PDB file of N, CA and C in Angstrom:
ATOM      1  N   MET A   1      15.518 -12.476 -13.061  1.00  0.00           N
ATOM      2  CA  MET A   1      14.325 -13.163 -12.623  1.00  0.00           C
ATOM      3  C   MET A   1      13.119 -12.459 -13.279  1.00  0.00           C
ATOM      4  N   GLU A   2      12.181 -13.259 -13.768  1.00  0.00           N
ATOM      5  CA  GLU A   2      10.992 -12.713 -14.414  1.00  0.00           C
ATOM      6  C   GLU A   2       9.726 -13.329 -13.826  1.00  0.00           C
ATOM      7  N   THR A   3       8.677 -12.542 -13.842  1.00  0.00           N
ATOM      8  CA  THR A   3       7.371 -12.999 -13.408  1.00  0.00           C
ATOM      9  C   THR A   3       6.384 -12.689 -14.517  1.00  0.00           C
ATOM     10  N   ARG A   4       5.854 -13.726 -15.148  1.00  0.00           N
ATOM     11  CA  ARG A   4       4.909 -13.582 -16.257  1.00  0.00           C
ATOM     12  C   ARG A   4       5.434 -12.679 -17.362  1.00  0.00           C
ATOM     13  N   GLY A   5       6.717 -12.802 -17.644  1.00  0.00           N
ATOM     14  CA  GLY A   5       7.320 -12.032 -18.710  1.00  0.00           C
ATOM     15  C   GLY A   5       7.790 -10.646 -18.301  1.00  0.00           C
ATOM     16  N   LEU A   6       7.522 -10.249 -17.062  1.00  0.00           N
ATOM     17  CA  LEU A   6       7.960  -8.945 -16.572  1.00  0.00           C
ATOM     18  C   LEU A   6       9.144  -9.130 -15.631  1.00  0.00           C
ATOM     19  N   SER A   7      10.018  -8.161 -15.646  1.00  0.00           N
ATOM     20  CA  SER A   7      11.135  -8.196 -14.716  1.00  0.00           C
ATOM     21  C   SER A   7      10.602  -8.113 -13.288  1.00  0.00           C
ATOM     22  N   ALA A   8      11.200  -8.863 -12.383  1.00  0.00           N
ATOM     23  CA  ALA A   8      10.742  -8.872 -10.994  1.00  0.00           C
ATOM     24  C   ALA A   8      11.171  -7.623 -10.236  1.00  0.00           C
ATOM     25  N   HIS A   9      12.150  -6.890 -10.764  1.00  0.00           N
ATOM     26  CA  HIS A   9      12.657  -5.709 -10.069  1.00  0.00           C
ATOM     27  C   HIS A   9      11.565  -4.686  -9.753  1.00  0.00           C
ATOM     28  N   PRO A  10      10.723  -4.279 -10.700  1.00  0.00           N
ATOM     29  CA  PRO A  10       9.692  -3.284 -10.341  1.00  0.00           C
ATOM     30  C   PRO A  10       8.736  -3.786  -9.261  1.00  0.00           C
ATOM     31  N   LEU A  11       8.428  -5.066  -9.277  1.00  0.00           N
ATOM     32  CA  LEU A  11       7.495  -5.606  -8.293  1.00  0.00           C
ATOM     33  C   LEU A  11       8.115  -5.709  -6.900  1.00  0.00           C
ATOM     34  N   LEU A  12       9.358  -6.139  -6.836  1.00  0.00           N
ATOM     35  CA  LEU A  12       9.991  -6.403  -5.543  1.00  0.00           C
ATOM     36  C   LEU A  12      10.628  -5.174  -4.905  1.00  0.00           C
ATOM     37  N   VAL A  13      11.003  -4.201  -5.713  1.00  0.00           N
ATOM     38  CA  VAL A  13      11.671  -3.020  -5.166  1.00  0.00           C
ATOM     39  C   VAL A  13      10.732  -1.823  -5.123  1.00  0.00           C
ATOM     40  N   HIS A  14      10.140  -1.485  -6.242  1.00  0.00           N
ATOM     41  CA  HIS A  14       9.333  -0.280  -6.313  1.00  0.00           C
ATOM     42  C   HIS A  14       7.938  -0.468  -5.711  1.00  0.00           C
ATOM     43  N   GLY A  15       7.423  -1.671  -5.725  1.00  0.00           N
ATOM     44  CA  GLY A  15       6.116  -1.938  -5.123  1.00  0.00           C
ATOM     45  C   GLY A  15       6.082  -1.579  -3.643  1.00  0.00           C
ATOM     46  N   PRO A  16       6.991  -2.117  -2.834  1.00  0.00           N
ATOM     47  CA  PRO A  16       6.986  -1.769  -1.407  1.00  0.00           C
ATOM     48  C   PRO A  16       7.277  -0.293  -1.150  1.00  0.00           C
ATOM     49  N   ILE A  17       8.089   0.335  -2.009  1.00  0.00           N
ATOM     50  CA  ILE A  17       8.408   1.750  -1.823  1.00  0.00           C
ATOM     51  C   ILE A  17       7.143   2.596  -1.949  1.00  0.00           C
ATOM     52  N   VAL A  18       6.206   2.163  -2.766  1.00  0.00           N
ATOM     53  CA  VAL A  18       4.950   2.883  -2.934  1.00  0.00           C
ATOM     54  C   VAL A  18       3.923   2.421  -1.908  1.00  0.00           C
ATOM     55  N   LEU A  19       3.835   1.122  -1.669  1.00  0.00           N
ATOM     56  CA  LEU A  19       2.766   0.584  -0.828  1.00  0.00           C
ATOM     57  C   LEU A  19       2.942   0.866   0.663  1.00  0.00           C
ATOM     58  N   ILE A  20       4.164   0.813   1.167  1.00  0.00           N
ATOM     59  CA  ILE A  20       4.378   1.023   2.608  1.00  0.00           C
ATOM     60  C   ILE A  20       3.957   2.429   3.042  1.00  0.00           C
ATOM     61  N   PRO A  21       4.407   3.497   2.353  1.00  0.00           N
ATOM     62  CA  PRO A  21       3.913   4.823   2.756  1.00  0.00           C
ATOM     63  C   PRO A  21       2.407   4.993   2.538  1.00  0.00           C
ATOM     64  N   LEU A  22       1.861   4.359   1.501  1.00  0.00           N
ATOM     65  CA  LEU A  22       0.430   4.460   1.248  1.00  0.00           C
ATOM     66  C   LEU A  22      -0.377   3.834   2.385  1.00  0.00           C
ATOM     67  N   VAL A  23       0.058   2.695   2.864  1.00  0.00           N
ATOM     68  CA  VAL A  23      -0.615   2.036   3.988  1.00  0.00           C
ATOM     69  C   VAL A  23      -0.468   2.867   5.259  1.00  0.00           C
ATOM     70  N   ALA A  24       0.719   3.451   5.467  1.00  0.00           N
ATOM     71  CA  ALA A  24       0.935   4.286   6.655  1.00  0.00           C
ATOM     72  C   ALA A  24       0.028   5.516   6.627  1.00  0.00           C
ATOM     73  N   LEU A  25      -0.064   6.176   5.487  1.00  0.00           N
ATOM     74  CA  LEU A  25      -0.929   7.350   5.374  1.00  0.00           C
ATOM     75  C   LEU A  25      -2.399   6.979   5.553  1.00  0.00           C
ATOM     76  N   SER A  26      -2.784   5.824   5.053  1.00  0.00           N
ATOM     77  CA  SER A  26      -4.165   5.379   5.229  1.00  0.00           C
ATOM     78  C   SER A  26      -4.466   5.132   6.705  1.00  0.00           C
ATOM     79  N   GLY A  27      -3.524   4.536   7.413  1.00  0.00           N
ATOM     80  CA  GLY A  27      -3.709   4.302   8.845  1.00  0.00           C
ATOM     81  C   GLY A  27      -3.827   5.594   9.626  1.00  0.00           C
ATOM     82  N   ILE A  28      -2.990   6.574   9.285  1.00  0.00           N
ATOM     83  CA  ILE A  28      -3.064   7.871   9.958  1.00  0.00           C
ATOM     84  C   ILE A  28      -4.396   8.543   9.654  1.00  0.00           C
ATOM     85  N   ALA A  29      -4.842   8.447   8.403  1.00  0.00           N
ATOM     86  CA  ALA A  29      -6.120   9.051   8.025  1.00  0.00           C
ATOM     87  C   ALA A  29      -7.269   8.424   8.800  1.00  0.00           C
ATOM     88  N   MET A  30      -7.208   7.111   9.012  1.00  0.00           N
ATOM     89  CA  MET A  30      -8.289   6.450   9.757  1.00  0.00           C
ATOM     90  C   MET A  30      -8.253   6.785  11.240  1.00  0.00           C
ATOM     91  N   ILE A  31      -7.070   7.137  11.763  1.00  0.00           N
ATOM     92  CA  ILE A  31      -6.992   7.578  13.163  1.00  0.00           C
ATOM     93  C   ILE A  31      -7.586   8.979  13.298  1.00  0.00           C
ATOM     94  N   ILE A  32      -7.287   9.838  12.327  1.00  0.00           N
ATOM     95  CA  ILE A  32      -7.764  11.221  12.383  1.00  0.00           C
ATOM     96  C   ILE A  32      -9.269  11.299  12.136  1.00  0.00           C
ATOM     97  N   ARG A  33      -9.767  10.541  11.164  1.00  0.00           N
ATOM     98  CA  ARG A  33     -11.201  10.568  10.828  1.00  0.00           C
ATOM     99  C   ARG A  33     -11.807   9.196  11.126  1.00  0.00           C
ATOM    100  N   PRO A  34     -12.314   8.965  12.327  1.00  0.00           N
ATOM    101  CA  PRO A  34     -12.861   7.656  12.700  1.00  0.00           C
ATOM    102  C   PRO A  34     -13.995   7.179  11.796  1.00  0.00           C
ATOM    103  N   VAL A  35     -14.693   8.089  11.143  1.00  0.00           N
ATOM    104  CA  VAL A  35     -15.779   7.693  10.245  1.00  0.00           C
ATOM    105  C   VAL A  35     -15.227   6.873   9.081  1.00  0.00           C
ATOM    106  N   TRP A  36     -14.014   7.195   8.632  1.00  0.00           N
ATOM    107  CA  TRP A  36     -13.405   6.457   7.527  1.00  0.00           C
ATOM    108  C   TRP A  36     -13.089   5.019   7.922  1.00  0.00           C
ATOM    109  N   ARG A  37     -12.899   4.790   9.230  1.00  0.00           N
ATOM    110  CA  ARG A  37     -12.594   3.443   9.709  1.00  0.00           C
ATOM    111  C   ARG A  37     -13.743   2.493   9.377  1.00  0.00           C
ATOM    112  N   ILE A  38     -14.962   3.004   9.399  1.00  0.00           N
ATOM    113  CA  ILE A  38     -16.136   2.179   9.124  1.00  0.00           C
ATOM    114  C   ILE A  38     -16.155   1.763   7.655  1.00  0.00           C
ATOM    115  N   THR A  39     -15.864   2.714   6.756  1.00  0.00           N
ATOM    116  CA  THR A  39     -15.963   2.408   5.319  1.00  0.00           C
ATOM    117  C   THR A  39     -14.686   1.812   4.763  1.00  0.00           C
ATOM    118  N   LEU A  40     -13.511   2.209   5.266  1.00  0.00           N
ATOM    119  CA  LEU A  40     -12.251   1.749   4.696  1.00  0.00           C
ATOM    120  C   LEU A  40     -11.587   0.646   5.503  1.00  0.00           C
ATOM    121  N   GLY A  41     -11.945   0.515   6.743  1.00  0.00           N
ATOM    122  CA  GLY A  41     -11.303  -0.448   7.631  1.00  0.00           C
ATOM    123  C   GLY A  41     -11.679  -1.885   7.302  1.00  0.00           C
ATOM    124  N   PRO A  42     -11.070  -2.819   8.020  1.00  0.00           N
ATOM    125  CA  PRO A  42     -11.336  -4.240   7.768  1.00  0.00           C
ATOM    126  C   PRO A  42     -12.751  -4.655   8.135  1.00  0.00           C
TER     127      PRO A  42
END
């Protein structure tokens, strides 16, 4: 399977492996430093 000429494997497998921990760490950081919630939060 390809997406725009690129193999879908890096997007479907390695993308979540990087993004899920990154989102979790960002959430923990916003809990620890509430000031970041204002600038980084939704």
